[in-house]
PDB file of N, CA and C in Angstrom:
ATOM      1  N   MET A   1      69.259-142.777-125.193  1.00  0.00           N
ATOM      2  CA  MET A   1      68.622-144.088-125.343  1.00  0.00           C
ATOM      3  C   MET A   1      69.662-145.174-125.586  1.00  0.00           C
ATOM      4  N   GLU A   2      70.597-144.898-126.493  1.00  0.00           N
ATOM      5  CA  GLU A   2      71.626-145.895-126.791  1.00  0.00           C
ATOM      6  C   GLU A   2      72.463-146.206-125.561  1.00  0.00           C
ATOM      7  N   ASN A   3      72.760-145.177-124.768  1.00  0.00           N
ATOM      8  CA  ASN A   3      73.548-145.371-123.560  1.00  0.00           C
ATOM      9  C   ASN A   3      72.806-146.251-122.554  1.00  0.00           C
ATOM     10  N   SER A   4      71.498-146.065-122.419  1.00  0.00           N
ATOM     11  CA  SER A   4      70.728-146.885-121.488  1.00  0.00           C
ATOM     12  C   SER A   4      70.671-148.340-121.967  1.00  0.00           C
ATOM     13  N   ASN A   5      70.661-148.541-123.283  1.00  0.00           N
ATOM     14  CA  ASN A   5      70.704-149.910-123.802  1.00  0.00           C
ATOM     15  C   ASN A   5      72.027-150.577-123.461  1.00  0.00           C
ATOM     16  N   ARG A   6      73.120-149.819-123.546  1.00  0.00           N
ATOM     17  CA  ARG A   6      74.433-150.370-123.192  1.00  0.00           C
ATOM     18  C   ARG A   6      74.492-150.744-121.722  1.00  0.00           C
ATOM     19  N   VAL A   7      73.921-149.902-120.875  1.00  0.00           N
ATOM     20  CA  VAL A   7      73.912-150.181-119.436  1.00  0.00           C
ATOM     21  C   VAL A   7      73.058-151.411-119.154  1.00  0.00           C
ATOM     22  N   GLU A   8      71.912-151.509-119.802  1.00  0.00           N
ATOM     23  CA  GLU A   8      71.034-152.676-119.635  1.00  0.00           C
ATOM     24  C   GLU A   8      71.769-153.950-120.047  1.00  0.00           C
ATOM     25  N   ILE A   9      72.439-153.910-121.175  1.00  0.00           N
ATOM     26  CA  ILE A   9      73.197-155.068-121.659  1.00  0.00           C
ATOM     27  C   ILE A   9      74.318-155.412-120.685  1.00  0.00           C
ATOM     28  N   ALA A  10      75.008-154.394-120.162  1.00  0.00           N
ATOM     29  CA  ALA A  10      76.104-154.633-119.222  1.00  0.00           C
ATOM     30  C   ALA A  10      75.605-155.304-117.945  1.00  0.00           C
ATOM     31  N   ILE A  11      74.465-154.867-117.435  1.00  0.00           N
ATOM     32  CA  ILE A  11      73.903-155.465-116.215  1.00  0.00           C
ATOM     33  C   ILE A  11      73.511-156.911-116.468  1.00  0.00           C
ATOM     34  N   LEU A  12      72.764-157.146-117.541  1.00  0.00           N
ATOM     35  CA  LEU A  12      72.323-158.510-117.851  1.00  0.00           C
ATOM     36  C   LEU A  12      73.509-159.420-118.154  1.00  0.00           C
ATOM     37  N   ASN A  13      74.507-158.897-118.845  1.00  0.00           N
ATOM     38  CA  ASN A  13      75.690-159.691-119.167  1.00  0.00           C
ATOM     39  C   ASN A  13      76.444-160.080-117.892  1.00  0.00           C
ATOM     40  N   HIS A  14      76.559-159.150-116.966  1.00  0.00           N
ATOM     41  CA  HIS A  14      77.230-159.430-115.689  1.00  0.00           C
ATOM     42  C   HIS A  14      76.503-160.548-114.934  1.00  0.00           C
ATOM     43  N   LEU A  15      75.187-160.432-114.834  1.00  0.00           N
ATOM     44  CA  LEU A  15      74.408-161.450-114.127  1.00  0.00           C
ATOM     45  C   LEU A  15      74.512-162.806-114.822  1.00  0.00           C
ATOM     46  N   PHE A  16      74.439-162.810-116.155  1.00  0.00           N
ATOM     47  CA  PHE A  16      74.491-164.056-116.914  1.00  0.00           C
ATOM     48  C   PHE A  16      75.878-164.694-116.829  1.00  0.00           C
ATOM     49  N   LYS A  17      76.900-163.885-116.992  1.00  0.00           N
ATOM     50  CA  LYS A  17      78.281-164.374-116.992  1.00  0.00           C
ATOM     51  C   LYS A  17      78.638-165.061-115.672  1.00  0.00           C
ATOM     52  N   HIS A  18      78.124-164.514-114.568  1.00  0.00           N
ATOM     53  CA  HIS A  18      78.432-165.073-113.255  1.00  0.00           C
ATOM     54  C   HIS A  18      77.420-166.130-112.811  1.00  0.00           C
ATOM     55  N   GLY A  19      76.450-166.431-113.653  1.00  0.00           N
ATOM     56  CA  GLY A  19      75.505-167.504-113.360  1.00  0.00           C
ATOM     57  C   GLY A  19      74.445-167.163-112.338  1.00  0.00           C
ATOM     58  N   TYR A  20      74.097-165.884-112.217  1.00  0.00           N
ATOM     59  CA  TYR A  20      73.058-165.476-111.267  1.00  0.00           C
ATOM     60  C   TYR A  20      71.694-165.686-111.908  1.00  0.00           C
ATOM     61  N   ILE A  21      71.327-166.958-112.007  1.00  0.00           N
ATOM     62  CA  ILE A  21      70.082-167.367-112.649  1.00  0.00           C
ATOM     63  C   ILE A  21      69.372-168.324-111.698  1.00  0.00           C
ATOM     64  N   GLY A  22      68.083-168.135-111.519  1.00  0.00           N
ATOM     65  CA  GLY A  22      67.323-169.062-110.689  1.00  0.00           C
ATOM     66  C   GLY A  22      67.677-168.947-109.218  1.00  0.00           C
ATOM     67  N   LYS A  23      68.237-170.019-108.645  1.00  0.00           N
ATOM     68  CA  LYS A  23      68.513-170.037-107.210  1.00  0.00           C
ATOM     69  C   LYS A  23      69.728-169.206-106.811  1.00  0.00           C
ATOM     70  N   ARG A  24      70.652-168.978-107.721  1.00  0.00           N
ATOM     71  CA  ARG A  24      71.851-168.204-107.398  1.00  0.00           C
ATOM     72  C   ARG A  24      71.542-166.715-107.570  1.00  0.00           C
ATOM     73  N   HIS A  25      71.917-165.917-106.582  1.00  0.00           N
ATOM     74  CA  HIS A  25      71.584-164.496-106.612  1.00  0.00           C
ATOM     75  C   HIS A  25      72.738-163.674-106.054  1.00  0.00           C
ATOM     76  N   THR A  26      72.686-162.378-106.276  1.00  0.00           N
ATOM     77  CA  THR A  26      73.720-161.451-105.826  1.00  0.00           C
ATOM     78  C   THR A  26      73.057-160.191-105.270  1.00  0.00           C
ATOM     79  N   PRO A  27      73.708-159.504-104.343  1.00  0.00           N
ATOM     80  CA  PRO A  27      73.133-158.257-103.840  1.00  0.00           C
ATOM     81  C   PRO A  27      72.896-157.244-104.960  1.00  0.00           C
ATOM     82  N   PHE A  28      71.872-156.432-104.783  1.00  0.00           N
ATOM     83  CA  PHE A  28      71.467-155.428-105.768  1.00  0.00           C
ATOM     84  C   PHE A  28      72.654-154.589-106.226  1.00  0.00           C
ATOM     85  N   LYS A  29      73.455-154.092-105.266  1.00  0.00           N
ATOM     86  CA  LYS A  29      74.570-153.208-105.628  1.00  0.00           C
ATOM     87  C   LYS A  29      75.664-153.955-106.387  1.00  0.00           C
ATOM     88  N   ASN A  30      75.824-155.251-106.164  1.00  0.00           N
ATOM     89  CA  ASN A  30      76.837-156.017-106.901  1.00  0.00           C
ATOM     90  C   ASN A  30      76.446-156.222-108.357  1.00  0.00           C
ATOM     91  N   ALA A  31      75.160-156.172-108.647  1.00  0.00           N
ATOM     92  CA  ALA A  31      74.708-156.302-110.037  1.00  0.00           C
ATOM     93  C   ALA A  31      75.139-155.102-110.864  1.00  0.00           C
ATOM     94  N   LEU A  32      75.513-154.008-110.190  1.00  0.00           N
ATOM     95  CA  LEU A  32      75.926-152.789-110.883  1.00  0.00           C
ATOM     96  C   LEU A  32      77.444-152.694-111.047  1.00  0.00           C
ATOM     97  N   LYS A  33      78.168-153.738-110.654  1.00  0.00           N
ATOM     98  CA  LYS A  33      79.624-153.721-110.802  1.00  0.00           C
ATOM     99  C   LYS A  33      79.990-153.614-112.279  1.00  0.00           C
ATOM    100  N   GLY A  34      81.031-152.859-112.534  1.00  0.00           N
ATOM    101  CA  GLY A  34      81.471-152.660-113.906  1.00  0.00           C
ATOM    102  C   GLY A  34      80.860-151.447-114.565  1.00  0.00           C
ATOM    103  N   ILE A  35      79.862-150.849-113.917  1.00  0.00           N
ATOM    104  CA  ILE A  35      79.233-149.632-114.432  1.00  0.00           C
ATOM    105  C   ILE A  35      80.009-148.444-113.848  1.00  0.00           C
ATOM    106  N   PRO A  36      80.421-147.485-114.673  1.00  0.00           N
ATOM    107  CA  PRO A  36      81.145-146.318-114.148  1.00  0.00           C
ATOM    108  C   PRO A  36      80.332-145.590-113.071  1.00  0.00           C
ATOM    109  N   MET A  37      81.027-145.025-112.105  1.00  0.00           N
ATOM    110  CA  MET A  37      80.371-144.369-110.973  1.00  0.00           C
ATOM    111  C   MET A  37      79.410-143.259-111.411  1.00  0.00           C
ATOM    112  N   HIS A  38      79.741-142.528-112.462  1.00  0.00           N
ATOM    113  CA  HIS A  38      78.876-141.435-112.888  1.00  0.00           C
ATOM    114  C   HIS A  38      77.586-141.921-113.550  1.00  0.00           C
ATOM    115  N   GLN A  39      77.487-143.229-113.811  1.00  0.00           N
ATOM    116  CA  GLN A  39      76.274-143.788-114.411  1.00  0.00           C
ATOM    117  C   GLN A  39      75.499-144.675-113.440  1.00  0.00           C
ATOM    118  N   ARG A  40      75.935-144.755-112.187  1.00  0.00           N
ATOM    119  CA  ARG A  40      75.295-145.662-111.234  1.00  0.00           C
ATOM    120  C   ARG A  40      73.839-145.302-110.965  1.00  0.00           C
ATOM    121  N   GLY A  41      73.511-144.015-110.910  1.00  0.00           N
ATOM    122  CA  GLY A  41      72.116-143.616-110.676  1.00  0.00           C
ATOM    123  C   GLY A  41      71.216-144.100-111.794  1.00  0.00           C
ATOM    124  N   GLU A  42      71.656-143.902-113.020  1.00  0.00           N
ATOM    125  CA  GLU A  42      70.909-144.371-114.187  1.00  0.00           C
ATOM    126  C   GLU A  42      70.834-145.894-114.195  1.00  0.00           C
ATOM    127  N   ALA A  43      71.949-146.550-113.842  1.00  0.00           N
ATOM    128  CA  ALA A  43      71.995-148.016-113.844  1.00  0.00           C
ATOM    129  C   ALA A  43      71.043-148.596-112.807  1.00  0.00           C
ATOM    130  N   LYS A  44      70.926-147.951-111.665  1.00  0.00           N
ATOM    131  CA  LYS A  44      69.992-148.414-110.631  1.00  0.00           C
ATOM    132  C   LYS A  44      68.560-148.360-111.158  1.00  0.00           C
ATOM    133  N   ALA A  45      68.218-147.263-111.830  1.00  0.00           N
ATOM    134  CA  ALA A  45      66.873-147.126-112.406  1.00  0.00           C
ATOM    135  C   ALA A  45      66.642-148.176-113.490  1.00  0.00           C
ATOM    136  N   ILE A  46      67.659-148.472-114.285  1.00  0.00           N
ATOM    137  CA  ILE A  46      67.537-149.484-115.342  1.00  0.00           C
ATOM    138  C   ILE A  46      67.344-150.861-114.730  1.00  0.00           C
ATOM    139  N   LEU A  47      68.095-151.186-113.665  1.00  0.00           N
ATOM    140  CA  LEU A  47      67.930-152.479-112.998  1.00  0.00           C
ATOM    141  C   LEU A  47      66.528-152.603-112.410  1.00  0.00           C
ATOM    142  N   GLU A  48      66.008-151.538-111.815  1.00  0.00           N
ATOM    143  CA  GLU A  48      64.635-151.567-111.298  1.00  0.00           C
ATOM    144  C   GLU A  48      63.636-151.777-112.429  1.00  0.00           C
ATOM    145  N   ASN A  49      63.908-151.197-113.594  1.00  0.00           N
ATOM    146  CA  ASN A  49      63.057-151.393-114.766  1.00  0.00           C
ATOM    147  C   ASN A  49      63.122-152.849-115.238  1.00  0.00           C
ATOM    148  N   LEU A  50      64.302-153.454-115.207  1.00  0.00           N
ATOM    149  CA  LEU A  50      64.438-154.867-115.588  1.00  0.00           C
ATOM    150  C   LEU A  50      63.625-155.755-114.657  1.00  0.00           C
ATOM    151  N   ILE A  51      63.561-155.386-113.382  1.00  0.00           N
ATOM    152  CA  ILE A  51      62.744-156.134-112.424  1.00  0.00           C
ATOM    153  C   ILE A  51      61.270-155.983-112.784  1.00  0.00           C
ATOM    154  N   LYS A  52      60.832-154.760-113.097  1.00  0.00           N
ATOM    155  CA  LYS A  52      59.433-154.529-113.476  1.00  0.00           C
ATOM    156  C   LYS A  52      59.056-155.287-114.740  1.00  0.00           C
ATOM    157  N   ARG A  53      60.007-155.385-115.683  1.00  0.00           N
ATOM    158  CA  ARG A  53      59.754-156.094-116.937  1.00  0.00           C
ATOM    159  C   ARG A  53      59.813-157.614-116.773  1.00  0.00           C
ATOM    160  N   GLY A  54      60.266-158.092-115.632  1.00  0.00           N
ATOM    161  CA  GLY A  54      60.286-159.521-115.367  1.00  0.00           C
ATOM    162  C   GLY A  54      61.527-160.242-115.865  1.00  0.00           C
ATOM    163  N   LEU A  55      62.512-159.522-116.374  1.00  0.00           N
ATOM    164  CA  LEU A  55      63.744-160.166-116.833  1.00  0.00           C
ATOM    165  C   LEU A  55      64.642-160.513-115.657  1.00  0.00           C
ATOM    166  N   VAL A  56      64.586-159.710-114.609  1.00  0.00           N
ATOM    167  CA  VAL A  56      65.371-159.923-113.391  1.00  0.00           C
ATOM    168  C   VAL A  56      64.381-160.068-112.240  1.00  0.00           C
ATOM    169  N   SER A  57      64.658-161.037-111.366  1.00  0.00           N
ATOM    170  CA  SER A  57      63.779-161.282-110.226  1.00  0.00           C
ATOM    171  C   SER A  57      64.428-160.766-108.945  1.00  0.00           C
ATOM    172  N   PRO A  58      63.665-160.068-108.102  1.00  0.00           N
ATOM    173  CA  PRO A  58      64.195-159.675-106.793  1.00  0.00           C
ATOM    174  C   PRO A  58      64.110-160.854-105.834  1.00  0.00           C
ATOM    175  N   TYR A  59      64.999-160.877-104.846  1.00  0.00           N
ATOM    176  CA  TYR A  59      65.009-161.943-103.849  1.00  0.00           C
ATOM    177  C   TYR A  59      65.385-161.314-102.518  1.00  0.00           C
ATOM    178  N   GLN A  60      64.459-161.295-101.580  1.00  0.00           N
ATOM    179  CA  GLN A  60      64.713-160.673-100.280  1.00  0.00           C
ATOM    180  C   GLN A  60      65.540-161.601 -99.411  1.00  0.00           C
ATOM    181  N   THR A  61      66.628-161.081 -98.849  1.00  0.00           N
ATOM    182  CA  THR A  61      67.487-161.850 -97.950  1.00  0.00           C
ATOM    183  C   THR A  61      67.601-161.099 -96.629  1.00  0.00           C
ATOM    184  N   GLY A  62      68.323-161.676 -95.688  1.00  0.00           N
ATOM    185  CA  GLY A  62      68.518-161.034 -94.394  1.00  0.00           C
ATOM    186  C   GLY A  62      69.344-159.771 -94.479  1.00  0.00           C
ATOM    187  N   HIS A  63      70.176-159.658 -95.492  1.00  0.00           N
ATOM    188  CA  HIS A  63      71.045-158.486 -95.621  1.00  0.00           C
ATOM    189  C   HIS A  63      70.515-157.463 -96.611  1.00  0.00           C
ATOM    190  N   GLY A  64      69.384-157.727 -97.217  1.00  0.00           N
ATOM    191  CA  GLY A  64      68.805-156.772 -98.155  1.00  0.00           C
ATOM    192  C   GLY A  64      68.284-157.449 -99.403  1.00  0.00           C
ATOM    193  N   MET A  65      68.118-156.648-100.445  1.00  0.00           N
ATOM    194  CA  MET A  65      67.561-157.138-101.698  1.00  0.00           C
ATOM    195  C   MET A  65      68.661-157.731-102.582  1.00  0.00           C
ATOM    196  N   ASP A  66      68.437-158.953-103.049  1.00  0.00           N
ATOM    197  CA  ASP A  66      69.307-159.589-104.026  1.00  0.00           C
ATOM    198  C   ASP A  66      68.547-159.671-105.348  1.00  0.00           C
ATOM    199  N   VAL A  67      69.280-159.893-106.425  1.00  0.00           N
ATOM    200  CA  VAL A  67      68.663-160.030-107.747  1.00  0.00           C
ATOM    201  C   VAL A  67      69.246-161.232-108.468  1.00  0.00           C
ATOM    202  N   ARG A  68      68.483-161.716-109.428  1.00  0.00           N
ATOM    203  CA  ARG A  68      68.903-162.840-110.267  1.00  0.00           C
ATOM    204  C   ARG A  68      68.098-162.788-111.559  1.00  0.00           C
ATOM    205  N   ILE A  69      68.616-163.413-112.590  1.00  0.00           N
ATOM    206  CA  ILE A  69      67.891-163.486-113.859  1.00  0.00           C
ATOM    207  C   ILE A  69      66.724-164.452-113.686  1.00  0.00           C
ATOM    208  N   ASN A  70      65.580-164.067-114.186  1.00  0.00           N
ATOM    209  CA  ASN A  70      64.395-164.912-114.154  1.00  0.00           C
ATOM    210  C   ASN A  70      64.627-166.077-115.130  1.00  0.00           C
ATOM    211  N   PRO A  71      64.676-167.333-114.635  1.00  0.00           N
ATOM    212  CA  PRO A  71      64.958-168.466-115.527  1.00  0.00           C
ATOM    213  C   PRO A  71      63.900-168.671-116.614  1.00  0.00           C
ATOM    214  N   ASP A  72      62.679-168.188-116.377  1.00  0.00           N
ATOM    215  CA  ASP A  72      61.627-168.305-117.386  1.00  0.00           C
ATOM    216  C   ASP A  72      61.852-167.356-118.561  1.00  0.00           C
ATOM    217  N   ARG A  73      62.695-166.334-118.379  1.00  0.00           N
ATOM    218  CA  ARG A  73      62.943-165.343-119.415  1.00  0.00           C
ATOM    219  C   ARG A  73      64.381-165.395-119.939  1.00  0.00           C
ATOM    220  N   ILE A  74      65.072-166.518-119.723  1.00  0.00           N
ATOM    221  CA  ILE A  74      66.487-166.636-120.103  1.00  0.00           C
ATOM    222  C   ILE A  74      66.701-166.432-121.601  1.00  0.00           C
ATOM    223  N   GLN A  75      65.769-166.895-122.429  1.00  0.00           N
ATOM    224  CA  GLN A  75      65.919-166.714-123.878  1.00  0.00           C
ATOM    225  C   GLN A  75      65.850-165.244-124.259  1.00  0.00           C
ATOM    226  N   ASP A  76      64.980-164.490-123.596  1.00  0.00           N
ATOM    227  CA  ASP A  76      64.898-163.049-123.845  1.00  0.00           C
ATOM    228  C   ASP A  76      66.198-162.358-123.445  1.00  0.00           C
ATOM    229  N   VAL A  77      66.759-162.771-122.312  1.00  0.00           N
ATOM    230  CA  VAL A  77      68.020-162.179-121.839  1.00  0.00           C
ATOM    231  C   VAL A  77      69.149-162.498-122.830  1.00  0.00           C
ATOM    232  N   LYS A  78      69.221-163.736-123.289  1.00  0.00           N
ATOM    233  CA  LYS A  78      70.259-164.103-124.260  1.00  0.00           C
ATOM    234  C   LYS A  78      70.124-163.293-125.539  1.00  0.00           C
ATOM    235  N   ARG A  79      68.914-163.042-125.966  1.00  0.00           N
ATOM    236  CA  ARG A  79      68.687-162.251-127.179  1.00  0.00           C
ATOM    237  C   ARG A  79      69.154-160.807-126.964  1.00  0.00           C
ATOM    238  N   ILE A  80      68.866-160.251-125.802  1.00  0.00           N
ATOM    239  CA  ILE A  80      69.257-158.869-125.514  1.00  0.00           C
ATOM    240  C   ILE A  80      70.772-158.715-125.455  1.00  0.00           C
ATOM    241  N   ILE A  81      71.471-159.677-124.834  1.00  0.00           N
ATOM    242  CA  ILE A  81      72.918-159.545-124.721  1.00  0.00           C
ATOM    243  C   ILE A  81      73.668-160.074-125.940  1.00  0.00           C
ATOM    244  N   GLY A  82      72.935-160.631-126.895  1.00  0.00           N
ATOM    245  CA  GLY A  82      73.533-161.023-128.157  1.00  0.00           C
ATOM    246  C   GLY A  82      74.097-162.431-128.218  1.00  0.00           C
ATOM    247  N   LEU A  83      73.576-163.330-127.408  1.00  0.00           N
ATOM    248  CA  LEU A  83      74.044-164.715-127.433  1.00  0.00           C
ATOM    249  C   LEU A  83      73.158-165.619-128.271  1.00  0.00           C
ATOM    250  N   ASP A  84      72.049-165.106-128.736  1.00  0.00           N
ATOM    251  CA  ASP A  84      71.120-165.924-129.528  1.00  0.00           C
ATOM    252  C   ASP A  84      71.091-165.485-130.967  1.00  0.00           C
TER     253      ASP A  84
END
């Protein structure tokens, strides 16, 4: 459980740090950058869970699925990553 929380924080921190909020988005696989290769399967499931929870929004593009932080939930994201 603690490990999945760290992965969740790492994903949200990466998206927040690079400004992938609202109109700015990044490919799904790029949101997993910085996660060790042996944890990528778990990280993919965690990112999909973040989408289901509404913290991260999917965005369909011509090259595939992109993701971004949901601007309506930015305060929740800041609380999770420890900025609030």
